[in-house]
Amino acid sequence: MISPNFTYQPATKVPKGKFHLILPLLVFRFLLFYRTFQPKIPNDPGPMAVLGLAYAKKGMCEEAISILQKGANLYPEDPYLGSALGFSYGVAGKRDEAQKIVSGFMEISKKKYFSPQFISRVYAGMGEVDKAIEWMEKAYEERDPAFSLIKSVPSHDYMHSDPRFKALLKKMGLED
């Protein structure tokens, strides 16, 4: 139920190419939303992944890992949940666990198409910028449809100042 104190606020107009600047606010709003409605959608993989990433970005790695492990157990083949879990392991300094997820993703990619963006996310969590950007380049080359949102993906936001990231955005027509 919506709080009686709730007031509608229209969406903020964001200048073209500046969406990433309001992302922290959106993450905070999502946390509030999810905590309110989570009992009604307890096992939805999308919100679980976004919540886990939000917790990891806030430095709440144990909370992130807890919810993402639950999600990965319920949906073991969901790459979004898996990559969010790998990212959270990396941020928490649990490199071995993060590397296991990357290895699993590599095995899947030998058998069928697997979005390089998910592998990049795990490397980003481990702080391996070179490998993260290498996999972002692959996503670009393969025209991964999910990759068009890379500028607003919270797991990659600390790379925005890297010249290679900027060059990739420019190739995609997403530069500032």
Protein backbone atom coordinates (compact mmCIF):
# COMPACT_ATOMS: atom_id res chain seq x y z
CA MET A 1 0.00 0.00 0.00
CA ILE A 2 1.29 3.46 -0.86
CA SER A 3 1.95 5.68 2.10
CA PRO A 4 -0.74 8.33 2.78
CA ASN A 5 2.10 10.88 2.75
CA PHE A 6 3.06 9.95 -0.81
CA THR A 7 2.98 12.78 -3.31
CA TYR A 8 3.49 12.32 -7.02
CA GLN A 9 6.56 13.97 -8.45
CA PRO A 10 6.96 14.07 -12.21
CA ALA A 11 10.00 12.43 -13.72
CA THR A 12 13.10 14.58 -13.79
CA LYS A 13 14.05 15.78 -17.26
CA VAL A 14 17.56 14.59 -17.91
CA PRO A 15 19.66 16.27 -20.60
CA LYS A 16 20.67 13.93 -23.41
CA GLY A 17 23.70 11.84 -22.47
CA LYS A 18 23.55 12.75 -18.76
CA PHE A 19 21.47 9.86 -17.40
CA HIS A 20 24.45 8.47 -15.51
CA LEU A 21 24.53 11.62 -13.37
CA ILE A 22 21.18 10.85 -11.74
CA LEU A 23 21.84 7.13 -11.35
CA PRO A 24 22.79 7.32 -7.63
CA LEU A 25 19.42 8.94 -6.91
CA LEU A 26 17.63 6.26 -8.90
CA VAL A 27 19.48 3.52 -7.00
CA PHE A 28 18.40 5.09 -3.70
CA ARG A 29 14.80 5.34 -4.90
CA PHE A 30 14.90 1.74 -6.06
CA LEU A 31 16.10 0.61 -2.63
CA LEU A 32 13.15 2.37 -1.02
CA PHE A 33 10.73 0.95 -3.59
CA TYR A 34 12.06 -2.59 -3.30
CA ARG A 35 11.95 -2.62 0.48
CA THR A 36 8.33 -1.50 0.29
CA PHE A 37 7.13 -3.95 -2.35
CA GLN A 38 9.54 -6.87 -1.92
CA PRO A 39 7.11 -8.92 0.19
CA LYS A 40 4.72 -8.90 -2.78
CA ILE A 41 7.40 -9.97 -5.30
CA PRO A 42 9.84 -11.94 -3.12
CA ASN A 43 11.43 -14.06 -5.83
CA ASP A 44 11.48 -11.85 -8.93
CA PRO A 45 15.01 -12.12 -10.40
CA GLY A 46 15.14 -8.63 -11.94
CA PRO A 47 14.55 -6.67 -8.75
CA MET A 48 16.79 -9.07 -6.83
CA ALA A 49 19.68 -8.37 -9.21
CA VAL A 50 19.17 -4.61 -9.17
CA LEU A 51 18.86 -4.60 -5.38
CA GLY A 52 22.05 -6.65 -5.06
CA LEU A 53 23.95 -4.27 -7.32
CA ALA A 54 22.59 -1.30 -5.38
CA TYR A 55 23.76 -2.83 -2.09
CA ALA A 56 27.19 -3.59 -3.55
CA LYS A 57 27.53 -0.02 -4.86
CA LYS A 58 26.68 1.28 -1.38
CA GLY A 59 29.39 -0.97 0.12
CA MET A 60 26.81 -3.28 1.70
CA CYS A 61 28.46 -6.35 0.15
CA GLU A 62 27.22 -8.98 2.59
CA GLU A 63 23.61 -7.89 2.03
CA ALA A 64 24.23 -7.90 -1.72
CA ILE A 65 25.76 -11.36 -1.69
CA SER A 66 23.01 -12.74 0.51
CA ILE A 67 20.15 -11.64 -1.75
CA LEU A 68 22.04 -12.50 -4.94
CA GLN A 69 22.94 -16.00 -3.71
CA LYS A 70 19.27 -16.56 -2.96
CA GLY A 71 18.42 -15.38 -6.46
CA ALA A 72 21.14 -17.49 -8.08
CA ASN A 73 19.84 -20.56 -6.24
CA LEU A 74 16.31 -19.88 -7.52
CA TYR A 75 17.44 -18.95 -11.05
CA PRO A 76 20.84 -20.61 -11.62
CA GLU A 77 20.85 -19.81 -15.36
CA ASP A 78 20.03 -16.09 -15.06
CA PRO A 79 23.14 -14.24 -16.30
CA TYR A 80 22.02 -10.90 -14.86
CA LEU A 81 21.79 -12.37 -11.36
CA GLY A 82 25.03 -14.30 -11.84
CA SER A 83 26.95 -11.27 -13.03
CA ALA A 84 25.56 -9.14 -10.20
CA LEU A 85 26.68 -11.83 -7.74
CA GLY A 86 30.14 -11.97 -9.37
CA PHE A 87 30.38 -8.17 -9.23
CA SER A 88 29.43 -8.22 -5.54
CA TYR A 89 31.98 -10.93 -4.77
CA GLY A 90 34.62 -8.85 -6.50
CA VAL A 91 33.72 -5.67 -4.62
CA ALA A 92 33.77 -7.66 -1.36
CA GLY A 93 37.29 -8.92 -2.16
CA LYS A 94 36.14 -12.51 -2.72
CA ARG A 95 38.13 -12.92 -5.92
CA ASP A 96 38.03 -16.72 -5.99
CA GLU A 97 34.23 -16.76 -5.95
CA ALA A 98 34.07 -14.02 -8.60
CA GLN A 99 36.55 -15.90 -10.78
CA LYS A 100 34.43 -19.07 -10.52
CA ILE A 101 31.51 -17.13 -11.96
CA VAL A 102 33.67 -15.83 -14.82
CA SER A 103 34.86 -19.39 -15.51
CA GLY A 104 31.26 -20.61 -15.58
CA PHE A 105 30.33 -17.82 -17.99
CA MET A 106 33.27 -18.74 -20.24
CA GLU A 107 32.07 -22.35 -20.36
CA ILE A 108 28.57 -21.24 -21.32
CA SER A 109 29.96 -18.96 -24.04
CA LYS A 110 31.71 -21.95 -25.66
CA LYS A 111 28.34 -23.64 -26.18
CA LYS A 112 26.02 -20.74 -27.02
CA TYR A 113 25.92 -16.98 -27.27
CA PHE A 114 26.58 -15.29 -23.95
CA SER A 115 26.61 -11.52 -23.53
CA PRO A 116 30.17 -10.26 -22.96
CA GLN A 117 28.66 -7.48 -20.87
CA PHE A 118 28.02 -9.94 -18.03
CA ILE A 119 31.65 -11.07 -18.01
CA SER A 120 32.73 -7.43 -18.06
CA ARG A 121 30.56 -6.72 -15.01
CA VAL A 122 32.31 -9.37 -12.92
CA TYR A 123 35.76 -8.11 -13.94
CA ALA A 124 34.64 -4.57 -13.04
CA GLY A 125 33.74 -5.77 -9.56
CA MET A 126 37.17 -7.33 -9.18
CA GLY A 127 38.74 -4.01 -10.19
CA GLU A 128 40.27 -5.54 -13.33
CA VAL A 129 39.62 -2.57 -15.57
CA ASP A 130 41.67 -3.86 -18.53
CA LYS A 131 39.71 -7.10 -18.70
CA ALA A 132 36.40 -5.32 -18.09
CA ILE A 133 37.05 -2.97 -21.00
CA GLU A 134 38.27 -5.84 -23.19
CA TRP A 135 34.90 -7.58 -22.68
CA MET A 136 33.02 -4.31 -23.24
CA GLU A 137 34.81 -4.04 -26.59
CA LYS A 138 33.63 -7.55 -27.43
CA ALA A 139 30.07 -6.60 -26.52
CA TYR A 140 30.35 -3.60 -28.84
CA GLU A 141 31.80 -5.69 -31.69
CA GLU A 142 29.05 -8.28 -31.29
CA ARG A 143 26.39 -5.55 -31.19
CA ASP A 144 25.07 -6.83 -27.89
CA PRO A 145 21.68 -5.10 -27.52
CA ALA A 146 21.97 -4.78 -23.74
CA PHE A 147 25.28 -2.99 -24.18
CA SER A 148 23.57 0.20 -25.34
CA LEU A 149 22.84 0.97 -21.68
CA ILE A 150 26.50 0.68 -20.60
CA LYS A 151 26.80 4.37 -19.74
CA SER A 152 24.15 4.01 -17.06
CA VAL A 153 25.19 0.64 -15.64
CA PRO A 154 26.20 1.20 -12.00
CA SER A 155 28.78 -1.59 -12.03
CA HIS A 156 30.86 0.27 -14.61
CA ASP A 157 30.44 3.87 -13.47
CA TYR A 158 33.91 4.22 -11.95
CA MET A 159 35.37 3.59 -15.42
CA HIS A 160 33.79 6.70 -16.92
CA SER A 161 37.05 8.63 -16.64
CA ASP A 162 39.10 5.91 -18.39
CA PRO A 163 40.07 7.09 -21.91
CA ARG A 164 39.27 3.66 -23.37
CA PHE A 165 35.77 3.79 -21.91
CA LYS A 166 35.31 7.30 -23.34
CA ALA A 167 36.56 6.11 -26.74
CA LEU A 168 34.09 3.23 -26.67
CA LEU A 169 31.24 5.60 -25.82
CA LYS A 170 32.30 7.85 -28.69
CA LYS A 171 32.22 4.90 -31.14
CA MET A 172 28.68 4.21 -29.92
CA GLY A 173 27.62 7.85 -30.22
CA LEU A 174 27.10 8.13 -26.44
CA GLU A 175 29.91 10.50 -25.52
CA ASP A 176 29.24 13.48 -23.26
